[in-house]
Structure formats: structure tokens, C-alpha cells
Amino acid sequence: MSLECPLCHSEAVMMRNHAKKVGGLVVAIAGFASGLAGAITGAEIGSSMGLIAGPPGFAFGGIAGALIGGILGGAAGCRAGASLGEVIDDNVLDNFHCRDCGHSFSLQNHEPYY
């Protein structure tokens, strides 16, 4: 059974997911920054492991450790932000939008209002 608009009963309903998108982006940026801050440790570990290969290994290991720390922090932040945004979309915002009549509604309160 597909979702229909409570106002015009059209099945041309789409999810907007504004909070999920914004939350994912904002927390991904914060997670990336946090990951880069923690990447100093990753760079130190990468550099020490790269010493086995000499000076080029030291430099490459440090850069790789920093990048991996930033990427992992950003990915974890994006996932957390998207999850939080999904909760906000589902419980606070009118997350559904009818493409036919323009009505916005949520599943919790899908009584038509004018």
C-alpha cells in the first residue's frame, strides 16, 4: 500500500528529508574536523610504521594516517547526523510533500489542514 495525500488523495507523495540531509552534512563536517584533530595520533602511528620503509615511508605514513583519521571521522559523523535528522524528520517536521496539490504533512499528524 502506497502513501497518499490526506488532502487530495493523490499517490504522488515524496519524502523531503530536509533534517536528514542537513544533519548529515553538518555533523559530517564536524566529524571530519574532529577526525583531523585526532589524526595527529594517526599521523604519528603512520609515521612510525612508515619508518620501516625509510624517509618516504615516514612522510607517506604520516599523510595517510591523517587522511584516514579525517575520513573515518567524517563518515561516522555523517551517519550520526543523518540518523538524528531522520528522527527529526519523522517526529517534528512535515516530511511528506504532495507533488499534485503541494500539501505537506507528517505520518503522526496527517489530518488535512487549510
PDB file of N, CA and C in Angstrom:
ATOM      1  N   MET A   1       0.843  -1.171   0.000  1.00  0.00           N
ATOM      2  CA  MET A   1       0.000   0.000   0.000  1.00  0.00           C
ATOM      3  C   MET A   1       0.889   1.236   0.000  1.00  0.00           C
ATOM      4  N   SER A   2       0.634   2.135  -0.942  1.00  0.00           N
ATOM      5  CA  SER A   2       1.443   3.344  -1.009  1.00  0.00           C
ATOM      6  C   SER A   2       0.796   4.466  -0.204  1.00  0.00           C
ATOM      7  N   LEU A   3       1.607   5.431   0.125  1.00  0.00           N
ATOM      8  CA  LEU A   3       1.162   6.571   0.912  1.00  0.00           C
ATOM      9  C   LEU A   3       0.393   7.531   0.011  1.00  0.00           C
ATOM     10  N   GLU A   4      -0.694   8.065   0.517  1.00  0.00           N
ATOM     11  CA  GLU A   4      -1.439   9.045  -0.264  1.00  0.00           C
ATOM     12  C   GLU A   4      -1.628  10.327   0.525  1.00  0.00           C
ATOM     13  N   CYS A   5      -1.807  11.398  -0.208  1.00  0.00           N
ATOM     14  CA  CYS A   5      -2.009  12.719   0.390  1.00  0.00           C
ATOM     15  C   CYS A   5      -3.351  12.748   1.115  1.00  0.00           C
ATOM     16  N   PRO A   6      -3.381  13.219   2.377  1.00  0.00           N
ATOM     17  CA  PRO A   6      -4.644  13.276   3.100  1.00  0.00           C
ATOM     18  C   PRO A   6      -5.578  14.369   2.584  1.00  0.00           C
ATOM     19  N   LEU A   7      -5.070  15.293   1.782  1.00  0.00           N
ATOM     20  CA  LEU A   7      -5.895  16.388   1.283  1.00  0.00           C
ATOM     21  C   LEU A   7      -6.551  16.056  -0.058  1.00  0.00           C
ATOM     22  N   CYS A   8      -5.734  15.610  -1.031  1.00  0.00           N
ATOM     23  CA  CYS A   8      -6.280  15.355  -2.366  1.00  0.00           C
ATOM     24  C   CYS A   8      -6.301  13.869  -2.724  1.00  0.00           C
ATOM     25  N   HIS A   9      -5.774  13.019  -1.859  1.00  0.00           N
ATOM     26  CA  HIS A   9      -5.731  11.563  -2.024  1.00  0.00           C
ATOM     27  C   HIS A   9      -4.893  11.109  -3.215  1.00  0.00           C
ATOM     28  N   SER A  10      -3.964  11.940  -3.631  1.00  0.00           N
ATOM     29  CA  SER A  10      -3.040  11.576  -4.695  1.00  0.00           C
ATOM     30  C   SER A  10      -1.948  10.667  -4.130  1.00  0.00           C
ATOM     31  N   GLU A  11      -1.413   9.804  -4.957  1.00  0.00           N
ATOM     32  CA  GLU A  11      -0.297   8.948  -4.537  1.00  0.00           C
ATOM     33  C   GLU A  11       1.052   9.526  -4.954  1.00  0.00           C
ATOM     34  N   ALA A  12       1.050  10.748  -5.488  1.00  0.00           N
ATOM     35  CA  ALA A  12       2.283  11.417  -5.902  1.00  0.00           C
ATOM     36  C   ALA A  12       2.905  12.128  -4.690  1.00  0.00           C
ATOM     37  N   VAL A  13       3.295  11.348  -3.705  1.00  0.00           N
ATOM     38  CA  VAL A  13       3.842  11.877  -2.462  1.00  0.00           C
ATOM     39  C   VAL A  13       5.333  11.564  -2.415  1.00  0.00           C
ATOM     40  N   MET A  14       6.111  12.560  -2.015  1.00  0.00           N
ATOM     41  CA  MET A  14       7.560  12.356  -1.892  1.00  0.00           C
ATOM     42  C   MET A  14       8.015  12.731  -0.485  1.00  0.00           C
ATOM     43  N   MET A  15       9.114  12.131  -0.077  1.00  0.00           N
ATOM     44  CA  MET A  15       9.730  12.459   1.211  1.00  0.00           C
ATOM     45  C   MET A  15      10.735  13.579   0.974  1.00  0.00           C
ATOM     46  N   ARG A  16      10.725  14.575   1.861  1.00  0.00           N
ATOM     47  CA  ARG A  16      11.639  15.708   1.695  1.00  0.00           C
ATOM     48  C   ARG A  16      12.969  15.472   2.403  1.00  0.00           C
ATOM     49  N   ASN A  17      12.976  14.912   3.590  1.00  0.00           N
ATOM     50  CA  ASN A  17      14.191  14.580   4.348  1.00  0.00           C
ATOM     51  C   ASN A  17      15.144  15.760   4.530  1.00  0.00           C
ATOM     52  N   HIS A  18      14.611  16.948   4.795  1.00  0.00           N
ATOM     53  CA  HIS A  18      15.471  18.127   4.974  1.00  0.00           C
ATOM     54  C   HIS A  18      16.411  17.969   6.163  1.00  0.00           C
ATOM     55  N   ALA A  19      15.897  17.562   7.309  1.00  0.00           N
ATOM     56  CA  ALA A  19      16.732  17.451   8.510  1.00  0.00           C
ATOM     57  C   ALA A  19      17.789  16.364   8.347  1.00  0.00           C
ATOM     58  N   LYS A  20      17.438  15.292   7.656  1.00  0.00           N
ATOM     59  CA  LYS A  20      18.402  14.208   7.441  1.00  0.00           C
ATOM     60  C   LYS A  20      19.573  14.692   6.591  1.00  0.00           C
ATOM     61  N   LYS A  21      19.268  15.458   5.550  1.00  0.00           N
ATOM     62  CA  LYS A  21      20.326  15.963   4.672  1.00  0.00           C
ATOM     63  C   LYS A  21      21.201  16.986   5.389  1.00  0.00           C
ATOM     64  N   VAL A  22      20.567  17.947   6.064  1.00  0.00           N
ATOM     65  CA  VAL A  22      21.324  18.987   6.764  1.00  0.00           C
ATOM     66  C   VAL A  22      22.108  18.392   7.924  1.00  0.00           C
ATOM     67  N   GLY A  23      21.456  17.521   8.696  1.00  0.00           N
ATOM     68  CA  GLY A  23      22.139  16.886   9.827  1.00  0.00           C
ATOM     69  C   GLY A  23      23.336  16.072   9.374  1.00  0.00           C
ATOM     70  N   GLY A  24      23.165  15.326   8.295  1.00  0.00           N
ATOM     71  CA  GLY A  24      24.280  14.539   7.777  1.00  0.00           C
ATOM     72  C   GLY A  24      25.446  15.407   7.355  1.00  0.00           C
ATOM     73  N   LEU A  25      25.153  16.511   6.675  1.00  0.00           N
ATOM     74  CA  LEU A  25      26.213  17.396   6.199  1.00  0.00           C
ATOM     75  C   LEU A  25      26.926  18.093   7.349  1.00  0.00           C
ATOM     76  N   VAL A  26      26.151  18.685   8.250  1.00  0.00           N
ATOM     77  CA  VAL A  26      26.743  19.454   9.350  1.00  0.00           C
ATOM     78  C   VAL A  26      27.580  18.564  10.264  1.00  0.00           C
ATOM     79  N   VAL A  27      27.031  17.427  10.649  1.00  0.00           N
ATOM     80  CA  VAL A  27      27.763  16.549  11.560  1.00  0.00           C
ATOM     81  C   VAL A  27      28.914  15.844  10.844  1.00  0.00           C
ATOM     82  N   ALA A  28      28.799  15.645   9.517  1.00  0.00           N
ATOM     83  CA  ALA A  28      29.924  15.088   8.765  1.00  0.00           C
ATOM     84  C   ALA A  28      31.098  16.054   8.785  1.00  0.00           C
ATOM     85  N   ILE A  29      30.808  17.340   8.614  1.00  0.00           N
ATOM     86  CA  ILE A  29      31.877  18.347   8.659  1.00  0.00           C
ATOM     87  C   ILE A  29      32.505  18.381  10.054  1.00  0.00           C
ATOM     88  N   ALA A  30      31.659  18.358  11.075  1.00  0.00           N
ATOM     89  CA  ALA A  30      32.180  18.336  12.448  1.00  0.00           C
ATOM     90  C   ALA A  30      32.986  17.068  12.705  1.00  0.00           C
ATOM     91  N   GLY A  31      32.482  15.939  12.213  1.00  0.00           N
ATOM     92  CA  GLY A  31      33.205  14.677  12.385  1.00  0.00           C
ATOM     93  C   GLY A  31      34.529  14.674  11.644  1.00  0.00           C
ATOM     94  N   PHE A  32      34.544  15.272  10.450  1.00  0.00           N
ATOM     95  CA  PHE A  32      35.779  15.363   9.682  1.00  0.00           C
ATOM     96  C   PHE A  32      36.800  16.217  10.428  1.00  0.00           C
ATOM     97  N   ALA A  33      36.343  17.357  10.970  1.00  0.00           N
ATOM     98  CA  ALA A  33      37.249  18.228  11.733  1.00  0.00           C
ATOM     99  C   ALA A  33      37.759  17.513  12.974  1.00  0.00           C
ATOM    100  N   SER A  34      36.861  16.802  13.650  1.00  0.00           N
ATOM    101  CA  SER A  34      37.269  16.044  14.828  1.00  0.00           C
ATOM    102  C   SER A  34      38.239  14.930  14.443  1.00  0.00           C
ATOM    103  N   GLY A  35      37.952  14.293  13.314  1.00  0.00           N
ATOM    104  CA  GLY A  35      38.844  13.231  12.844  1.00  0.00           C
ATOM    105  C   GLY A  35      40.216  13.767  12.494  1.00  0.00           C
ATOM    106  N   LEU A  36      40.261  14.961  11.893  1.00  0.00           N
ATOM    107  CA  LEU A  36      41.559  15.559  11.577  1.00  0.00           C
ATOM    108  C   LEU A  36      42.309  15.954  12.843  1.00  0.00           C
ATOM    109  N   ALA A  37      41.559  16.425  13.845  1.00  0.00           N
ATOM    110  CA  ALA A  37      42.215  16.768  15.117  1.00  0.00           C
ATOM    111  C   ALA A  37      42.804  15.504  15.750  1.00  0.00           C
ATOM    112  N   GLY A  38      42.063  14.407  15.661  1.00  0.00           N
ATOM    113  CA  GLY A  38      42.576  13.142  16.179  1.00  0.00           C
ATOM    114  C   GLY A  38      43.567  12.485  15.240  1.00  0.00           C
ATOM    115  N   ALA A  39      43.697  13.057  14.051  1.00  0.00           N
ATOM    116  CA  ALA A  39      44.593  12.470  13.063  1.00  0.00           C
ATOM    117  C   ALA A  39      46.056  12.682  13.407  1.00  0.00           C
ATOM    118  N   ILE A  40      46.316  13.594  14.327  1.00  0.00           N
ATOM    119  CA  ILE A  40      47.712  13.776  14.758  1.00  0.00           C
ATOM    120  C   ILE A  40      48.231  12.456  15.301  1.00  0.00           C
ATOM    121  N   THR A  41      47.388  11.788  16.075  1.00  0.00           N
ATOM    122  CA  THR A  41      47.767  10.468  16.592  1.00  0.00           C
ATOM    123  C   THR A  41      47.924   9.488  15.446  1.00  0.00           C
ATOM    124  N   GLY A  42      46.979   9.550  14.501  1.00  0.00           N
ATOM    125  CA  GLY A  42      47.079   8.658  13.335  1.00  0.00           C
ATOM    126  C   GLY A  42      48.319   8.937  12.517  1.00  0.00           C
ATOM    127  N   ALA A  43      48.680  10.205  12.390  1.00  0.00           N
ATOM    128  CA  ALA A  43      49.886  10.563  11.647  1.00  0.00           C
ATOM    129  C   ALA A  43      51.133  10.062  12.360  1.00  0.00           C
ATOM    130  N   GLU A  44      51.123  10.163  13.689  1.00  0.00           N
ATOM    131  CA  GLU A  44      52.274   9.660  14.445  1.00  0.00           C
ATOM    132  C   GLU A  44      52.412   8.153  14.285  1.00  0.00           C
ATOM    133  N   ILE A  45      51.283   7.454  14.369  1.00  0.00           N
ATOM    134  CA  ILE A  45      51.318   5.992  14.206  1.00  0.00           C
ATOM    135  C   ILE A  45      51.743   5.638  12.788  1.00  0.00           C
ATOM    136  N   GLY A  46      51.143   6.330  11.802  1.00  0.00           N
ATOM    137  CA  GLY A  46      51.503   6.067  10.406  1.00  0.00           C
ATOM    138  C   GLY A  46      52.960   6.376  10.131  1.00  0.00           C
ATOM    139  N   SER A  47      53.447   7.456  10.715  1.00  0.00           N
ATOM    140  CA  SER A  47      54.848   7.809  10.507  1.00  0.00           C
ATOM    141  C   SER A  47      55.776   6.777  11.121  1.00  0.00           C
ATOM    142  N   SER A  48      55.436   6.326  12.322  1.00  0.00           N
ATOM    143  CA  SER A  48      56.307   5.343  12.969  1.00  0.00           C
ATOM    144  C   SER A  48      56.280   4.017  12.213  1.00  0.00           C
ATOM    145  N   MET A  49      55.128   3.647  11.681  1.00  0.00           N
ATOM    146  CA  MET A  49      55.069   2.414  10.905  1.00  0.00           C
ATOM    147  C   MET A  49      55.772   2.592   9.562  1.00  0.00           C
ATOM    148  N   GLY A  50      55.741   3.829   9.043  1.00  0.00           N
ATOM    149  CA  GLY A  50      56.395   4.103   7.772  1.00  0.00           C
ATOM    150  C   GLY A  50      57.898   4.178   7.874  1.00  0.00           C
ATOM    151  N   LEU A  51      58.432   4.288   9.092  1.00  0.00           N
ATOM    152  CA  LEU A  51      59.890   4.339   9.258  1.00  0.00           C
ATOM    153  C   LEU A  51      60.578   3.091   8.734  1.00  0.00           C
ATOM    154  N   ILE A  52      59.832   2.009   8.684  1.00  0.00           N
ATOM    155  CA  ILE A  52      60.399   0.759   8.175  1.00  0.00           C
ATOM    156  C   ILE A  52      60.853   0.945   6.731  1.00  0.00           C
ATOM    157  N   ALA A  53      60.099   1.771   5.976  1.00  0.00           N
ATOM    158  CA  ALA A  53      60.418   1.993   4.566  1.00  0.00           C
ATOM    159  C   ALA A  53      61.326   3.201   4.354  1.00  0.00           C
ATOM    160  N   GLY A  54      61.795   3.816   5.402  1.00  0.00           N
ATOM    161  CA  GLY A  54      62.699   4.954   5.263  1.00  0.00           C
ATOM    162  C   GLY A  54      61.952   6.276   5.223  1.00  0.00           C
ATOM    163  N   PRO A  55      62.673   7.355   4.853  1.00  0.00           N
ATOM    164  CA  PRO A  55      62.056   8.691   4.854  1.00  0.00           C
ATOM    165  C   PRO A  55      60.790   8.814   3.995  1.00  0.00           C
ATOM    166  N   PRO A  56      60.735   8.239   2.789  1.00  0.00           N
ATOM    167  CA  PRO A  56      59.486   8.343   2.035  1.00  0.00           C
ATOM    168  C   PRO A  56      58.325   7.639   2.752  1.00  0.00           C
ATOM    169  N   GLY A  57      58.598   6.543   3.384  1.00  0.00           N
ATOM    170  CA  GLY A  57      57.575   5.821   4.139  1.00  0.00           C
ATOM    171  C   GLY A  57      57.102   6.629   5.333  1.00  0.00           C
ATOM    172  N   PHE A  58      58.019   7.352   5.964  1.00  0.00           N
ATOM    173  CA  PHE A  58      57.677   8.214   7.099  1.00  0.00           C
ATOM    174  C   PHE A  58      56.681   9.293   6.663  1.00  0.00           C
ATOM    175  N   ALA A  59      56.971   9.976   5.554  1.00  0.00           N
ATOM    176  CA  ALA A  59      56.099  11.046   5.061  1.00  0.00           C
ATOM    177  C   ALA A  59      54.758  10.485   4.595  1.00  0.00           C
ATOM    178  N   PHE A  60      54.812   9.414   3.804  1.00  0.00           N
ATOM    179  CA  PHE A  60      53.582   8.827   3.288  1.00  0.00           C
ATOM    180  C   PHE A  60      52.718   8.275   4.428  1.00  0.00           C
ATOM    181  N   GLY A  61      53.349   7.636   5.389  1.00  0.00           N
ATOM    182  CA  GLY A  61      52.608   7.081   6.527  1.00  0.00           C
ATOM    183  C   GLY A  61      51.914   8.160   7.340  1.00  0.00           C
ATOM    184  N   GLY A  62      52.597   9.293   7.528  1.00  0.00           N
ATOM    185  CA  GLY A  62      52.004  10.403   8.275  1.00  0.00           C
ATOM    186  C   GLY A  62      50.807  10.995   7.550  1.00  0.00           C
ATOM    187  N   ILE A  63      50.940  11.218   6.251  1.00  0.00           N
ATOM    188  CA  ILE A  63      49.834  11.776   5.461  1.00  0.00           C
ATOM    189  C   ILE A  63      48.681  10.796   5.399  1.00  0.00           C
ATOM    190  N   ALA A  64      48.974   9.534   5.172  1.00  0.00           N
ATOM    191  CA  ALA A  64      47.910   8.520   5.101  1.00  0.00           C
ATOM    192  C   ALA A  64      47.182   8.401   6.430  1.00  0.00           C
ATOM    193  N   GLY A  65      47.913   8.431   7.533  1.00  0.00           N
ATOM    194  CA  GLY A  65      47.278   8.348   8.848  1.00  0.00           C
ATOM    195  C   GLY A  65      46.355   9.525   9.107  1.00  0.00           C
ATOM    196  N   ALA A  66      46.775  10.728   8.710  1.00  0.00           N
ATOM    197  CA  ALA A  66      45.946  11.919   8.902  1.00  0.00           C
ATOM    198  C   ALA A  66      44.687  11.855   8.040  1.00  0.00           C
ATOM    199  N   LEU A  67      44.832  11.458   6.783  1.00  0.00           N
ATOM    200  CA  LEU A  67      43.671  11.371   5.892  1.00  0.00           C
ATOM    201  C   LEU A  67      42.675  10.306   6.345  1.00  0.00           C
ATOM    202  N   ILE A  68      43.193   9.184   6.763  1.00  0.00           N
ATOM    203  CA  ILE A  68      42.293   8.120   7.224  1.00  0.00           C
ATOM    204  C   ILE A  68      41.544   8.569   8.469  1.00  0.00           C
ATOM    205  N   GLY A  69      42.210   9.264   9.381  1.00  0.00           N
ATOM    206  CA  GLY A  69      41.531   9.786  10.569  1.00  0.00           C
ATOM    207  C   GLY A  69      40.418  10.756  10.205  1.00  0.00           C
ATOM    208  N   GLY A  70      40.679  11.661   9.245  1.00  0.00           N
ATOM    209  CA  GLY A  70      39.662  12.614   8.811  1.00  0.00           C
ATOM    210  C   GLY A  70      38.491  11.944   8.114  1.00  0.00           C
ATOM    211  N   ILE A  71      38.781  10.998   7.253  1.00  0.00           N
ATOM    212  CA  ILE A  71      37.718  10.311   6.511  1.00  0.00           C
ATOM    213  C   ILE A  71      36.857   9.479   7.448  1.00  0.00           C
ATOM    214  N   LEU A  72      37.474   8.754   8.359  1.00  0.00           N
ATOM    215  CA  LEU A  72      36.685   7.947   9.294  1.00  0.00           C
ATOM    216  C   LEU A  72      35.847   8.822  10.218  1.00  0.00           C
ATOM    217  N   GLY A  73      36.401   9.941  10.665  1.00  0.00           N
ATOM    218  CA  GLY A  73      35.631  10.873  11.499  1.00  0.00           C
ATOM    219  C   GLY A  73      34.455  11.465  10.740  1.00  0.00           C
ATOM    220  N   GLY A  74      34.678  11.833   9.477  1.00  0.00           N
ATOM    221  CA  GLY A  74      33.604  12.381   8.651  1.00  0.00           C
ATOM    222  C   GLY A  74      32.512  11.370   8.378  1.00  0.00           C
ATOM    223  N   ALA A  75      32.902  10.126   8.102  1.00  0.00           N
ATOM    224  CA  ALA A  75      31.910   9.082   7.831  1.00  0.00           C
ATOM    225  C   ALA A  75      31.067   8.784   9.071  1.00  0.00           C
ATOM    226  N   ALA A  76      31.722   8.688  10.211  1.00  0.00           N
ATOM    227  CA  ALA A  76      30.977   8.438  11.454  1.00  0.00           C
ATOM    228  C   ALA A  76      30.058   9.606  11.775  1.00  0.00           C
ATOM    229  N   GLY A  77      30.535  10.828  11.568  1.00  0.00           N
ATOM    230  CA  GLY A  77      29.709  11.998  11.815  1.00  0.00           C
ATOM    231  C   GLY A  77      28.524  12.071  10.879  1.00  0.00           C
ATOM    232  N   CYS A  78      28.731  11.745   9.618  1.00  0.00           N
ATOM    233  CA  CYS A  78      27.643  11.773   8.637  1.00  0.00           C
ATOM    234  C   CYS A  78      26.555  10.785   9.016  1.00  0.00           C
ATOM    235  N   ARG A  79      26.962   9.604   9.416  1.00  0.00           N
ATOM    236  CA  ARG A  79      25.986   8.571   9.814  1.00  0.00           C
ATOM    237  C   ARG A  79      25.189   9.014  11.042  1.00  0.00           C
ATOM    238  N   ALA A  80      25.874   9.570  12.027  1.00  0.00           N
ATOM    239  CA  ALA A  80      25.199  10.030  13.241  1.00  0.00           C
ATOM    240  C   ALA A  80      24.260  11.196  12.942  1.00  0.00           C
ATOM    241  N   GLY A  81      24.709  12.142  12.133  1.00  0.00           N
ATOM    242  CA  GLY A  81      23.876  13.294  11.789  1.00  0.00           C
ATOM    243  C   GLY A  81      22.657  12.905  10.981  1.00  0.00           C
ATOM    244  N   ALA A  82      22.835  11.969  10.054  1.00  0.00           N
ATOM    245  CA  ALA A  82      21.699  11.512   9.252  1.00  0.00           C
ATOM    246  C   ALA A  82      20.680  10.783  10.123  1.00  0.00           C
ATOM    247  N   SER A  83      21.152  10.012  11.079  1.00  0.00           N
ATOM    248  CA  SER A  83      20.233   9.309  11.983  1.00  0.00           C
ATOM    249  C   SER A  83      19.450  10.298  12.839  1.00  0.00           C
ATOM    250  N   LEU A  84      20.126  11.305  13.360  1.00  0.00           N
ATOM    251  CA  LEU A  84      19.452  12.328  14.147  1.00  0.00           C
ATOM    252  C   LEU A  84      18.459  13.105  13.279  1.00  0.00           C
ATOM    253  N   GLY A  85      18.861  13.455  12.074  1.00  0.00           N
ATOM    254  CA  GLY A  85      17.978  14.164  11.159  1.00  0.00           C
ATOM    255  C   GLY A  85      16.756  13.348  10.781  1.00  0.00           C
ATOM    256  N   GLU A  86      16.927  12.050  10.648  1.00  0.00           N
ATOM    257  CA  GLU A  86      15.792  11.181  10.320  1.00  0.00           C
ATOM    258  C   GLU A  86      14.764  11.187  11.453  1.00  0.00           C
ATOM    259  N   VAL A  87      15.234  11.179  12.696  1.00  0.00           N
ATOM    260  CA  VAL A  87      14.322  11.251  13.842  1.00  0.00           C
ATOM    261  C   VAL A  87      13.561  12.577  13.824  1.00  0.00           C
ATOM    262  N   ILE A  88      14.259  13.667  13.522  1.00  0.00           N
ATOM    263  CA  ILE A  88      13.603  14.975  13.452  1.00  0.00           C
ATOM    264  C   ILE A  88      12.599  15.012  12.308  1.00  0.00           C
ATOM    265  N   ASP A  89      12.988  14.482  11.142  1.00  0.00           N
ATOM    266  CA  ASP A  89      12.064  14.434  10.011  1.00  0.00           C
ATOM    267  C   ASP A  89      10.796  13.662  10.350  1.00  0.00           C
ATOM    268  N   ASP A  90      10.953  12.533  11.009  1.00  0.00           N
ATOM    269  CA  ASP A  90       9.806  11.668  11.289  1.00  0.00           C
ATOM    270  C   ASP A  90       8.909  12.199  12.404  1.00  0.00           C
ATOM    271  N   ASN A  91       9.481  12.921  13.373  1.00  0.00           N
ATOM    272  CA  ASN A  91       8.708  13.298  14.552  1.00  0.00           C
ATOM    273  C   ASN A  91       8.395  14.780  14.687  1.00  0.00           C
ATOM    274  N   VAL A  92       9.126  15.638  13.999  1.00  0.00           N
ATOM    275  CA  VAL A  92       8.933  17.070  14.200  1.00  0.00           C
ATOM    276  C   VAL A  92       8.431  17.758  12.924  1.00  0.00           C
ATOM    277  N   LEU A  93       9.085  17.497  11.819  1.00  0.00           N
ATOM    278  CA  LEU A  93       8.775  18.200  10.580  1.00  0.00           C
ATOM    279  C   LEU A  93       7.697  17.489   9.775  1.00  0.00           C
ATOM    280  N   ASP A  94       7.038  18.243   8.898  1.00  0.00           N
ATOM    281  CA  ASP A  94       6.135  17.646   7.912  1.00  0.00           C
ATOM    282  C   ASP A  94       7.017  17.144   6.777  1.00  0.00           C
ATOM    283  N   ASN A  95       7.375  15.870   6.835  1.00  0.00           N
ATOM    284  CA  ASN A  95       8.382  15.312   5.949  1.00  0.00           C
ATOM    285  C   ASN A  95       7.835  14.875   4.593  1.00  0.00           C
ATOM    286  N   PHE A  96       6.534  14.767   4.455  1.00  0.00           N
ATOM    287  CA  PHE A  96       5.954  14.307   3.199  1.00  0.00           C
ATOM    288  C   PHE A  96       5.344  15.475   2.447  1.00  0.00           C
ATOM    289  N   HIS A  97       5.472  15.459   1.131  1.00  0.00           N
ATOM    290  CA  HIS A  97       5.003  16.556   0.286  1.00  0.00           C
ATOM    291  C   HIS A  97       4.281  15.980  -0.920  1.00  0.00           C
ATOM    292  N   CYS A  98       3.060  16.452  -1.142  1.00  0.00           N
ATOM    293  CA  CYS A  98       2.272  16.009  -2.296  1.00  0.00           C
ATOM    294  C   CYS A  98       2.694  16.833  -3.507  1.00  0.00           C
ATOM    295  N   ARG A  99       3.085  16.160  -4.565  1.00  0.00           N
ATOM    296  CA  ARG A  99       3.503  16.864  -5.774  1.00  0.00           C
ATOM    297  C   ARG A  99       2.320  17.391  -6.578  1.00  0.00           C
ATOM    298  N   ASP A 100       1.138  16.878  -6.315  1.00  0.00           N
ATOM    299  CA  ASP A 100      -0.030  17.345  -7.062  1.00  0.00           C
ATOM    300  C   ASP A 100      -0.640  18.610  -6.480  1.00  0.00           C
ATOM    301  N   CYS A 101      -0.882  18.631  -5.161  1.00  0.00           N
ATOM    302  CA  CYS A 101      -1.554  19.794  -4.564  1.00  0.00           C
ATOM    303  C   CYS A 101      -0.622  20.659  -3.715  1.00  0.00           C
ATOM    304  N   GLY A 102       0.602  20.196  -3.427  1.00  0.00           N
ATOM    305  CA  GLY A 102       1.556  20.979  -2.658  1.00  0.00           C
ATOM    306  C   GLY A 102       1.401  20.882  -1.149  1.00  0.00           C
ATOM    307  N   HIS A 103       0.510  20.028  -0.675  1.00  0.00           N
ATOM    308  CA  HIS A 103       0.270  19.865   0.761  1.00  0.00           C
ATOM    309  C   HIS A 103       1.448  19.139   1.413  1.00  0.00           C
ATOM    310  N   SER A 104       1.871  19.616   2.596  1.00  0.00           N
ATOM    311  CA  SER A 104       2.924  18.954   3.368  1.00  0.00           C
ATOM    312  C   SER A 104       2.307  18.373   4.623  1.00  0.00           C
ATOM    313  N   PHE A 105       2.758  17.171   4.989  1.00  0.00           N
ATOM    314  CA  PHE A 105       2.177  16.511   6.155  1.00  0.00           C
ATOM    315  C   PHE A 105       3.169  15.518   6.726  1.00  0.00           C
ATOM    316  N   SER A 106       2.885  15.058   7.949  1.00  0.00           N
ATOM    317  CA  SER A 106       3.698  14.027   8.593  1.00  0.00           C
ATOM    318  C   SER A 106       2.812  12.814   8.839  1.00  0.00           C
ATOM    319  N   LEU A 107       3.409  11.700   9.161  1.00  0.00           N
ATOM    320  CA  LEU A 107       2.619  10.500   9.437  1.00  0.00           C
ATOM    321  C   LEU A 107       1.931  10.587  10.790  1.00  0.00           C
ATOM    322  N   GLN A 108       2.527  11.332  11.750  1.00  0.00           N
ATOM    323  CA  GLN A 108       1.917  11.464  13.066  1.00  0.00           C
ATOM    324  C   GLN A 108       0.646  12.299  13.001  1.00  0.00           C
ATOM    325  N   ASN A 109       0.669  13.341  12.195  1.00  0.00           N
ATOM    326  CA  ASN A 109      -0.466  14.250  12.119  1.00  0.00           C
ATOM    327  C   ASN A 109      -0.835  14.426  10.650  1.00  0.00           C
ATOM    328  N   HIS A 110      -1.578  13.466  10.120  1.00  0.00           N
ATOM    329  CA  HIS A 110      -1.902  13.556   8.698  1.00  0.00           C
ATOM    330  C   HIS A 110      -3.341  13.996   8.456  1.00  0.00           C
ATOM    331  N   GLU A 111      -3.903  14.715   9.431  1.00  0.00           N
ATOM    332  CA  GLU A 111      -5.208  15.331   9.209  1.00  0.00           C
ATOM    333  C   GLU A 111      -5.009  16.542   8.299  1.00  0.00           C
ATOM    334  N   PRO A 112      -5.845  16.710   7.293  1.00  0.00           N
ATOM    335  CA  PRO A 112      -5.676  17.881   6.423  1.00  0.00           C
ATOM    336  C   PRO A 112      -6.006  19.176   7.166  1.00  0.00           C
ATOM    337  N   TYR A 113      -5.206  20.177   6.930  1.00  0.00           N
ATOM    338  CA  TYR A 113      -5.473  21.497   7.484  1.00  0.00           C
ATOM    339  C   TYR A 113      -5.395  22.518   6.364  1.00  0.00           C
ATOM    340  N   TYR A 114      -6.048  23.597   6.530  1.00  0.00           N
ATOM    341  CA  TYR A 114      -6.153  24.587   5.443  1.00  0.00           C
ATOM    342  C   TYR A 114      -5.543  25.902   5.845  1.00  0.00           C
TER     343      TYR A 114
END
